[in-house]
PDB file of N, CA and C in Angstrom:
ATOM      1  N   UNK A   1     -35.583  30.130 -34.360  1.00  0.00           N
ATOM      2  CA  UNK A   1     -34.353  29.835 -33.661  1.00  0.00           C
ATOM      3  C   UNK A   1     -33.704  31.157 -33.253  1.00  0.00           C
ATOM      4  N   UNK A   2     -33.241  31.248 -32.037  1.00  0.00           N
ATOM      5  CA  UNK A   2     -32.607  32.451 -31.524  1.00  0.00           C
ATOM      6  C   UNK A   2     -31.134  32.469 -31.885  1.00  0.00           C
ATOM      7  N   UNK A   3     -30.688  33.590 -32.388  1.00  0.00           N
ATOM      8  CA  UNK A   3     -29.274  33.730 -32.745  1.00  0.00           C
ATOM      9  C   UNK A   3     -28.627  34.739 -31.805  1.00  0.00           C
ATOM     10  N   UNK A   4     -27.337  34.582 -31.566  1.00  0.00           N
ATOM     11  CA  UNK A   4     -26.608  35.495 -30.701  1.00  0.00           C
ATOM     12  C   UNK A   4     -26.410  36.846 -31.363  1.00  0.00           C
ATOM     13  N   UNK A   5     -26.133  37.840 -30.548  1.00  0.00           N
ATOM     14  CA  UNK A   5     -25.820  39.156 -31.094  1.00  0.00           C
ATOM     15  C   UNK A   5     -24.370  39.153 -31.530  1.00  0.00           C
ATOM     16  N   UNK A   6     -23.917  40.277 -32.041  1.00  0.00           N
ATOM     17  CA  UNK A   6     -22.543  40.380 -32.525  1.00  0.00           C
ATOM     18  C   UNK A   6     -21.531  40.090 -31.414  1.00  0.00           C
ATOM     19  N   UNK A   7     -21.884  40.327 -30.152  1.00  0.00           N
ATOM     20  CA  UNK A   7     -20.961  40.097 -29.045  1.00  0.00           C
ATOM     21  C   UNK A   7     -21.233  38.788 -28.312  1.00  0.00           C
ATOM     22  N   UNK A   8     -22.200  38.015 -28.777  1.00  0.00           N
ATOM     23  CA  UNK A   8     -22.524  36.750 -28.133  1.00  0.00           C
ATOM     24  C   UNK A   8     -22.281  35.608 -29.119  1.00  0.00           C
ATOM     25  N   UNK A   9     -21.178  34.884 -28.955  1.00  0.00           N
ATOM     26  CA  UNK A   9     -20.896  33.788 -29.883  1.00  0.00           C
ATOM     27  C   UNK A   9     -21.933  32.678 -29.753  1.00  0.00           C
ATOM     28  N   UNK A  10     -22.223  32.045 -30.870  1.00  0.00           N
ATOM     29  CA  UNK A  10     -23.228  30.988 -30.886  1.00  0.00           C
ATOM     30  C   UNK A  10     -22.803  29.765 -30.084  1.00  0.00           C
ATOM     31  N   UNK A  11     -21.500  29.495 -30.011  1.00  0.00           N
ATOM     32  CA  UNK A  11     -21.044  28.293 -29.311  1.00  0.00           C
ATOM     33  C   UNK A  11     -20.864  28.498 -27.808  1.00  0.00           C
ATOM     34  N   UNK A  12     -21.138  29.701 -27.328  1.00  0.00           N
ATOM     35  CA  UNK A  12     -21.018  29.963 -25.894  1.00  0.00           C
ATOM     36  C   UNK A  12     -19.611  30.307 -25.445  1.00  0.00           C
ATOM     37  N   UNK A  13     -18.656  30.277 -26.359  1.00  0.00           N
ATOM     38  CA  UNK A  13     -17.276  30.615 -26.030  1.00  0.00           C
ATOM     39  C   UNK A  13     -16.916  31.944 -26.671  1.00  0.00           C
ATOM     40  N   UNK A  14     -16.207  32.735 -25.924  1.00  0.00           N
ATOM     41  CA  UNK A  14     -15.853  34.064 -26.390  1.00  0.00           C
ATOM     42  C   UNK A  14     -14.381  34.097 -26.781  1.00  0.00           C
ATOM     43  N   UNK A  15     -14.082  34.631 -27.946  1.00  0.00           N
ATOM     44  CA  UNK A  15     -12.677  34.727 -28.321  1.00  0.00           C
ATOM     45  C   UNK A  15     -12.035  35.931 -27.630  1.00  0.00           C
ATOM     46  N   UNK A  16     -10.725  36.006 -27.669  1.00  0.00           N
ATOM     47  CA  UNK A  16      -9.982  37.054 -26.965  1.00  0.00           C
ATOM     48  C   UNK A  16     -10.352  38.446 -27.467  1.00  0.00           C
ATOM     49  N   UNK A  17     -10.545  38.603 -28.755  1.00  0.00           N
ATOM     50  CA  UNK A  17     -10.883  39.916 -29.318  1.00  0.00           C
ATOM     51  C   UNK A  17     -12.239  40.393 -28.797  1.00  0.00           C
ATOM     52  N   UNK A  18     -13.202  39.480 -28.723  1.00  0.00           N
ATOM     53  CA  UNK A  18     -14.523  39.843 -28.227  1.00  0.00           C
ATOM     54  C   UNK A  18     -14.457  40.174 -26.742  1.00  0.00           C
ATOM     55  N   UNK A  19     -13.693  39.413 -25.991  1.00  0.00           N
ATOM     56  CA  UNK A  19     -13.526  39.693 -24.560  1.00  0.00           C
ATOM     57  C   UNK A  19     -12.880  41.060 -24.352  1.00  0.00           C
ATOM     58  N   UNK A  20     -11.863  41.366 -25.158  1.00  0.00           N
ATOM     59  CA  UNK A  20     -11.207  42.674 -25.066  1.00  0.00           C
ATOM     60  C   UNK A  20     -12.175  43.794 -25.414  1.00  0.00           C
ATOM     61  N   UNK A  21     -13.008  43.573 -26.427  1.00  0.00           N
ATOM     62  CA  UNK A  21     -13.995  44.577 -26.821  1.00  0.00           C
ATOM     63  C   UNK A  21     -14.996  44.816 -25.697  1.00  0.00           C
ATOM     64  N   UNK A  22     -15.457  43.740 -25.084  1.00  0.00           N
ATOM     65  CA  UNK A  22     -16.394  43.878 -23.957  1.00  0.00           C
ATOM     66  C   UNK A  22     -15.768  44.696 -22.831  1.00  0.00           C
ATOM     67  N   UNK A  23     -14.503  44.418 -22.515  1.00  0.00           N
ATOM     68  CA  UNK A  23     -13.805  45.147 -21.459  1.00  0.00           C
ATOM     69  C   UNK A  23     -13.674  46.624 -21.810  1.00  0.00           C
ATOM     70  N   UNK A  24     -13.333  46.906 -23.052  1.00  0.00           N
ATOM     71  CA  UNK A  24     -13.183  48.288 -23.517  1.00  0.00           C
ATOM     72  C   UNK A  24     -14.507  49.045 -23.430  1.00  0.00           C
ATOM     73  N   UNK A  25     -15.580  48.413 -23.861  1.00  0.00           N
ATOM     74  CA  UNK A  25     -16.906  49.037 -23.804  1.00  0.00           C
ATOM     75  C   UNK A  25     -17.281  49.314 -22.352  1.00  0.00           C
ATOM     76  N   UNK A  26     -17.070  48.337 -21.476  1.00  0.00           N
ATOM     77  CA  UNK A  26     -17.390  48.514 -20.062  1.00  0.00           C
ATOM     78  C   UNK A  26     -16.565  49.639 -19.444  1.00  0.00           C
ATOM     79  N   UNK A  27     -15.286  49.709 -19.785  1.00  0.00           N
ATOM     80  CA  UNK A  27     -14.413  50.754 -19.267  1.00  0.00           C
ATOM     81  C   UNK A  27     -14.871  52.133 -19.728  1.00  0.00           C
ATOM     82  N   UNK A  28     -15.223  52.251 -20.997  1.00  0.00           N
ATOM     83  CA  UNK A  28     -15.686  53.537 -21.529  1.00  0.00           C
ATOM     84  C   UNK A  28     -17.016  53.952 -20.897  1.00  0.00           C
ATOM     85  N   UNK A  29     -17.899  52.987 -20.681  1.00  0.00           N
ATOM     86  CA  UNK A  29     -19.176  53.298 -20.035  1.00  0.00           C
ATOM     87  C   UNK A  29     -18.958  53.786 -18.605  1.00  0.00           C
ATOM     88  N   UNK A  30     -18.043  53.129 -17.898  1.00  0.00           N
ATOM     89  CA  UNK A  30     -17.748  53.531 -16.516  1.00  0.00           C
ATOM     90  C   UNK A  30     -17.116  54.917 -16.479  1.00  0.00           C
ATOM     91  N   UNK A  31     -16.204  55.189 -17.415  1.00  0.00           N
ATOM     92  CA  UNK A  31     -15.572  56.508 -17.481  1.00  0.00           C
ATOM     93  C   UNK A  31     -16.609  57.593 -17.747  1.00  0.00           C
ATOM     94  N   UNK A  32     -17.565  57.315 -18.630  1.00  0.00           N
ATOM     95  CA  UNK A  32     -18.622  58.283 -18.922  1.00  0.00           C
ATOM     96  C   UNK A  32     -19.489  58.517 -17.691  1.00  0.00           C
ATOM     97  N   UNK A  33     -19.768  57.456 -16.952  1.00  0.00           N
ATOM     98  CA  UNK A  33     -20.555  57.572 -15.724  1.00  0.00           C
ATOM     99  C   UNK A  33     -19.832  58.442 -14.700  1.00  0.00           C
ATOM    100  N   UNK A  34     -18.530  58.228 -14.542  1.00  0.00           N
ATOM    101  CA  UNK A  34     -17.741  59.018 -13.591  1.00  0.00           C
ATOM    102  C   UNK A  34     -17.688  60.475 -14.044  1.00  0.00           C
ATOM    103  N   UNK A  35     -17.469  60.712 -15.336  1.00  0.00           N
ATOM    104  CA  UNK A  35     -17.450  62.092 -15.841  1.00  0.00           C
ATOM    105  C   UNK A  35     -18.773  62.790 -15.571  1.00  0.00           C
ATOM    106  N   UNK A  36     -19.873  62.086 -15.805  1.00  0.00           N
ATOM    107  CA  UNK A  36     -21.197  62.661 -15.557  1.00  0.00           C
ATOM    108  C   UNK A  36     -21.374  62.982 -14.067  1.00  0.00           C
ATOM    109  N   UNK A  37     -20.957  62.070 -13.202  1.00  0.00           N
ATOM    110  CA  UNK A  37     -21.062  62.304 -11.758  1.00  0.00           C
ATOM    111  C   UNK A  37     -20.194  63.486 -11.337  1.00  0.00           C
ATOM    112  N   UNK A  38     -18.998  63.596 -11.908  1.00  0.00           N
ATOM    113  CA  UNK A  38     -18.132  64.752 -11.607  1.00  0.00           C
ATOM    114  C   UNK A  38     -18.793  66.052 -12.042  1.00  0.00           C
ATOM    115  N   UNK A  39     -19.445  66.036 -13.182  1.00  0.00           N
ATOM    116  CA  UNK A  39     -20.119  67.233 -13.684  1.00  0.00           C
ATOM    117  C   UNK A  39     -21.247  67.688 -12.765  1.00  0.00           C
ATOM    118  N   UNK A  40     -21.806  66.761 -12.003  1.00  0.00           N
ATOM    119  CA  UNK A  40     -22.895  67.100 -11.089  1.00  0.00           C
ATOM    120  C   UNK A  40     -22.401  67.704  -9.771  1.00  0.00           C
ATOM    121  N   UNK A  41     -21.106  67.583  -9.510  1.00  0.00           N
ATOM    122  CA  UNK A  41     -20.543  68.151  -8.280  1.00  0.00           C
ATOM    123  C   UNK A  41     -20.418  69.662  -8.412  1.00  0.00           C
ATOM    124  N   UNK A  42     -20.243  70.318  -7.266  1.00  0.00           N
ATOM    125  CA  UNK A  42     -19.992  71.754  -7.297  1.00  0.00           C
ATOM    126  C   UNK A  42     -18.651  72.004  -7.978  1.00  0.00           C
ATOM    127  N   UNK A  43     -18.467  73.201  -8.462  1.00  0.00           N
ATOM    128  CA  UNK A  43     -17.212  73.565  -9.115  1.00  0.00           C
ATOM    129  C   UNK A  43     -16.039  73.353  -8.156  1.00  0.00           C
ATOM    130  N   UNK A  44     -16.209  73.733  -6.904  1.00  0.00           N
ATOM    131  CA  UNK A  44     -15.141  73.576  -5.905  1.00  0.00           C
ATOM    132  C   UNK A  44     -14.765  72.102  -5.719  1.00  0.00           C
ATOM    133  N   UNK A  45     -15.762  71.242  -5.558  1.00  0.00           N
ATOM    134  CA  UNK A  45     -15.499  69.808  -5.390  1.00  0.00           C
ATOM    135  C   UNK A  45     -14.813  69.236  -6.626  1.00  0.00           C
ATOM    136  N   UNK A  46     -15.347  69.586  -7.779  1.00  0.00           N
ATOM    137  CA  UNK A  46     -14.817  69.056  -9.036  1.00  0.00           C
ATOM    138  C   UNK A  46     -13.361  69.485  -9.235  1.00  0.00           C
ATOM    139  N   UNK A  47     -13.068  70.751  -9.007  1.00  0.00           N
ATOM    140  CA  UNK A  47     -11.699  71.238  -9.181  1.00  0.00           C
ATOM    141  C   UNK A  47     -10.751  70.572  -8.199  1.00  0.00           C
ATOM    142  N   UNK A  48     -11.172  70.434  -6.952  1.00  0.00           N
ATOM    143  CA  UNK A  48     -10.327  69.798  -5.940  1.00  0.00           C
ATOM    144  C   UNK A  48      -9.999  68.353  -6.334  1.00  0.00           C
ATOM    145  N   UNK A  49     -11.002  67.603  -6.745  1.00  0.00           N
ATOM    146  CA  UNK A  49     -10.772  66.208  -7.133  1.00  0.00           C
ATOM    147  C   UNK A  49      -9.926  66.102  -8.396  1.00  0.00           C
ATOM    148  N   UNK A  50     -10.183  66.957  -9.353  1.00  0.00           N
ATOM    149  CA  UNK A  50      -9.388  66.914 -10.586  1.00  0.00           C
ATOM    150  C   UNK A  50      -7.929  67.252 -10.316  1.00  0.00           C
ATOM    151  N   UNK A  51      -7.685  68.267  -9.487  1.00  0.00           N
ATOM    152  CA  UNK A  51      -6.308  68.669  -9.210  1.00  0.00           C
ATOM    153  C   UNK A  51      -5.561  67.636  -8.374  1.00  0.00           C
ATOM    154  N   UNK A  52      -6.237  67.007  -7.439  1.00  0.00           N
ATOM    155  CA  UNK A  52      -5.541  66.038  -6.588  1.00  0.00           C
ATOM    156  C   UNK A  52      -5.487  64.647  -7.214  1.00  0.00           C
ATOM    157  N   UNK A  53      -6.572  64.185  -7.792  1.00  0.00           N
ATOM    158  CA  UNK A  53      -6.616  62.818  -8.306  1.00  0.00           C
ATOM    159  C   UNK A  53      -6.093  62.692  -9.734  1.00  0.00           C
ATOM    160  N   UNK A  54      -6.361  63.677 -10.558  1.00  0.00           N
ATOM    161  CA  UNK A  54      -5.966  63.573 -11.962  1.00  0.00           C
ATOM    162  C   UNK A  54      -4.626  64.268 -12.216  1.00  0.00           C
ATOM    163  N   UNK A  55      -4.483  65.484 -11.704  1.00  0.00           N
ATOM    164  CA  UNK A  55      -3.249  66.241 -11.926  1.00  0.00           C
ATOM    165  C   UNK A  55      -2.141  65.862 -10.958  1.00  0.00           C
ATOM    166  N   UNK A  56      -2.493  65.215  -9.846  1.00  0.00           N
ATOM    167  CA  UNK A  56      -1.487  64.724  -8.912  1.00  0.00           C
ATOM    168  C   UNK A  56      -0.972  65.723  -7.896  1.00  0.00           C
ATOM    169  N   UNK A  57      -1.696  66.824  -7.687  1.00  0.00           N
ATOM    170  CA  UNK A  57      -1.280  67.776  -6.663  1.00  0.00           C
ATOM    171  C   UNK A  57      -1.412  67.138  -5.283  1.00  0.00           C
ATOM    172  N   UNK A  58      -0.455  67.382  -4.428  1.00  0.00           N
ATOM    173  CA  UNK A  58      -0.504  66.862  -3.062  1.00  0.00           C
ATOM    174  C   UNK A  58      -1.394  67.767  -2.203  1.00  0.00           C
ATOM    175  N   UNK A  59      -1.760  67.275  -1.028  1.00  0.00           N
ATOM    176  CA  UNK A  59      -2.534  68.091  -0.092  1.00  0.00           C
ATOM    177  C   UNK A  59      -1.758  69.338   0.291  1.00  0.00           C
ATOM    178  N   UNK A  60      -0.462  69.184   0.434  1.00  0.00           N
ATOM    179  CA  UNK A  60       0.398  70.314   0.782  1.00  0.00           C
ATOM    180  C   UNK A  60       0.383  71.373  -0.321  1.00  0.00           C
ATOM    181  N   UNK A  61       0.520  70.942  -1.557  1.00  0.00           N
ATOM    182  CA  UNK A  61       0.498  71.877  -2.683  1.00  0.00           C
ATOM    183  C   UNK A  61      -0.845  72.582  -2.787  1.00  0.00           C
ATOM    184  N   UNK A  62      -1.919  71.827  -2.609  1.00  0.00           N
ATOM    185  CA  UNK A  62      -3.252  72.421  -2.679  1.00  0.00           C
ATOM    186  C   UNK A  62      -3.476  73.409  -1.552  1.00  0.00           C
ATOM    187  N   UNK A  63      -3.018  73.058  -0.350  1.00  0.00           N
ATOM    188  CA  UNK A  63      -3.173  73.947   0.802  1.00  0.00           C
ATOM    189  C   UNK A  63      -2.450  75.269   0.565  1.00  0.00           C
ATOM    190  N   UNK A  64      -1.247  75.159   0.074  1.00  0.00           N
ATOM    191  CA  UNK A  64      -0.459  76.363  -0.206  1.00  0.00           C
ATOM    192  C   UNK A  64      -1.137  77.202  -1.291  1.00  0.00           C
ATOM    193  N   UNK A  65      -1.601  76.543  -2.305  1.00  0.00           N
ATOM    194  CA  UNK A  65      -2.243  77.227  -3.432  1.00  0.00           C
ATOM    195  C   UNK A  65      -3.519  77.952  -3.009  1.00  0.00           C
ATOM    196  N   UNK A  66      -4.303  77.316  -2.111  1.00  0.00           N
ATOM    197  CA  UNK A  66      -5.586  77.883  -1.695  1.00  0.00           C
ATOM    198  C   UNK A  66      -5.504  78.692  -0.394  1.00  0.00           C
ATOM    199  N   UNK A  67      -4.346  78.662   0.255  1.00  0.00           N
ATOM    200  CA  UNK A  67      -4.189  79.425   1.493  1.00  0.00           C
ATOM    201  C   UNK A  67      -4.950  78.839   2.668  1.00  0.00           C
ATOM    202  N   UNK A  68      -5.035  77.504   2.702  1.00  0.00           N
ATOM    203  CA  UNK A  68      -5.700  76.815   3.816  1.00  0.00           C
ATOM    204  C   UNK A  68      -4.756  75.735   4.339  1.00  0.00           C
ATOM    205  N   UNK A  69      -5.148  75.071   5.400  1.00  0.00           N
ATOM    206  CA  UNK A  69      -4.296  74.027   5.972  1.00  0.00           C
ATOM    207  C   UNK A  69      -4.429  72.726   5.175  1.00  0.00           C
ATOM    208  N   UNK A  70      -3.429  71.868   5.337  1.00  0.00           N
ATOM    209  CA  UNK A  70      -3.492  70.550   4.690  1.00  0.00           C
ATOM    210  C   UNK A  70      -4.685  69.757   5.219  1.00  0.00           C
ATOM    211  N   UNK A  71      -4.967  69.909   6.501  1.00  0.00           N
ATOM    212  CA  UNK A  71      -6.111  69.205   7.088  1.00  0.00           C
ATOM    213  C   UNK A  71      -7.412  69.645   6.406  1.00  0.00           C
ATOM    214  N   UNK A  72      -7.523  70.930   6.106  1.00  0.00           N
ATOM    215  CA  UNK A  72      -8.717  71.433   5.415  1.00  0.00           C
ATOM    216  C   UNK A  72      -8.834  70.787   4.031  1.00  0.00           C
ATOM    217  N   UNK A  73      -7.713  70.666   3.353  1.00  0.00           N
ATOM    218  CA  UNK A  73      -7.725  70.030   2.028  1.00  0.00           C
ATOM    219  C   UNK A  73      -8.141  68.573   2.148  1.00  0.00           C
ATOM    220  N   UNK A  74      -7.567  67.858   3.105  1.00  0.00           N
ATOM    221  CA  UNK A  74      -7.924  66.440   3.285  1.00  0.00           C
ATOM    222  C   UNK A  74      -9.408  66.293   3.615  1.00  0.00           C
ATOM    223  N   UNK A  75      -9.931  67.186   4.450  1.00  0.00           N
ATOM    224  CA  UNK A  75     -11.355  67.140   4.811  1.00  0.00           C
ATOM    225  C   UNK A  75     -12.221  67.434   3.593  1.00  0.00           C
ATOM    226  N   UNK A  76     -11.870  68.465   2.847  1.00  0.00           N
ATOM    227  CA  UNK A  76     -12.634  68.811   1.644  1.00  0.00           C
ATOM    228  C   UNK A  76     -12.598  67.672   0.630  1.00  0.00           C
ATOM    229  N   UNK A  77     -11.430  67.081   0.458  1.00  0.00           N
ATOM    230  CA  UNK A  77     -11.288  65.976  -0.502  1.00  0.00           C
ATOM    231  C   UNK A  77     -12.135  64.782  -0.064  1.00  0.00           C
ATOM    232  N   UNK A  78     -12.099  64.468   1.223  1.00  0.00           N
ATOM    233  CA  UNK A  78     -12.893  63.353   1.740  1.00  0.00           C
ATOM    234  C   UNK A  78     -14.378  63.595   1.506  1.00  0.00           C
ATOM    235  N   UNK A  79     -14.830  64.792   1.791  1.00  0.00           N
ATOM    236  CA  UNK A  79     -16.250  65.117   1.593  1.00  0.00           C
ATOM    237  C   UNK A  79     -16.621  65.093   0.115  1.00  0.00           C
ATOM    238  N   UNK A  80     -15.741  65.611  -0.738  1.00  0.00           N
ATOM    239  CA  UNK A  80     -16.004  65.611  -2.178  1.00  0.00           C
ATOM    240  C   UNK A  80     -16.081  64.177  -2.711  1.00  0.00           C
ATOM    241  N   UNK A  81     -15.184  63.319  -2.227  1.00  0.00           N
ATOM    242  CA  UNK A  81     -15.213  61.915  -2.648  1.00  0.00           C
ATOM    243  C   UNK A  81     -16.498  61.224  -2.195  1.00  0.00           C
ATOM    244  N   UNK A  82     -16.968  61.551  -1.007  1.00  0.00           N
ATOM    245  CA  UNK A  82     -18.231  60.973  -0.523  1.00  0.00           C
ATOM    246  C   UNK A  82     -19.394  61.426  -1.402  1.00  0.00           C
ATOM    247  N   UNK A  83     -19.395  62.702  -1.776  1.00  0.00           N
ATOM    248  CA  UNK A  83     -20.465  63.201  -2.650  1.00  0.00           C
ATOM    249  C   UNK A  83     -20.383  62.530  -4.027  1.00  0.00           C
ATOM    250  N   UNK A  84     -19.169  62.357  -4.538  1.00  0.00           N
ATOM    251  CA  UNK A  84     -19.006  61.675  -5.825  1.00  0.00           C
ATOM    252  C   UNK A  84     -19.491  60.232  -5.725  1.00  0.00           C
ATOM    253  N   UNK A  85     -19.098  59.561  -4.666  1.00  0.00           N
ATOM    254  CA  UNK A  85     -19.533  58.176  -4.463  1.00  0.00           C
ATOM    255  C   UNK A  85     -21.057  58.091  -4.406  1.00  0.00           C
ATOM    256  N   UNK A  86     -21.684  59.032  -3.708  1.00  0.00           N
ATOM    257  CA  UNK A  86     -23.138  59.055  -3.619  1.00  0.00           C
ATOM    258  C   UNK A  86     -23.797  59.180  -4.976  1.00  0.00           C
ATOM    259  N   UNK A  87     -23.212  59.969  -5.851  1.00  0.00           N
ATOM    260  CA  UNK A  87     -23.769  60.132  -7.192  1.00  0.00           C
ATOM    261  C   UNK A  87     -23.538  58.890  -8.037  1.00  0.00           C
ATOM    262  N   UNK A  88     -22.454  58.185  -7.789  1.00  0.00           N
ATOM    263  CA  UNK A  88     -22.173  56.969  -8.558  1.00  0.00           C
ATOM    264  C   UNK A  88     -23.041  55.793  -8.103  1.00  0.00           C
ATOM    265  N   UNK A  89     -23.543  55.848  -6.886  1.00  0.00           N
ATOM    266  CA  UNK A  89     -24.373  54.761  -6.366  1.00  0.00           C
ATOM    267  C   UNK A  89     -25.825  54.894  -6.767  1.00  0.00           C
ATOM    268  N   UNK A  90     -26.215  56.038  -7.271  1.00  0.00           N
ATOM    269  CA  UNK A  90     -27.618  56.280  -7.627  1.00  0.00           C
ATOM    270  C   UNK A  90     -27.990  55.546  -8.887  1.00  0.00           C
TER     271      UNK A  90
END
């Protein structure tokens, strides 16, 4: 007779705690995948994405900080996001 695993209830119904655990595990796995993909980017791409997406720097702040135009920052960010997306799709 086949028995369920620790995360698979025998009656086919999942309690709230198990559902929350599944969500937490999935979230942590996705975060690890994103971190790994970020690590594969160039230092420039990684720093740009971390400063704008995680630290909350605006395009204007980044442009001023790097001595380039806001358009250059937006273009670099767009390209970096495309490269990140490409690594996440593999």
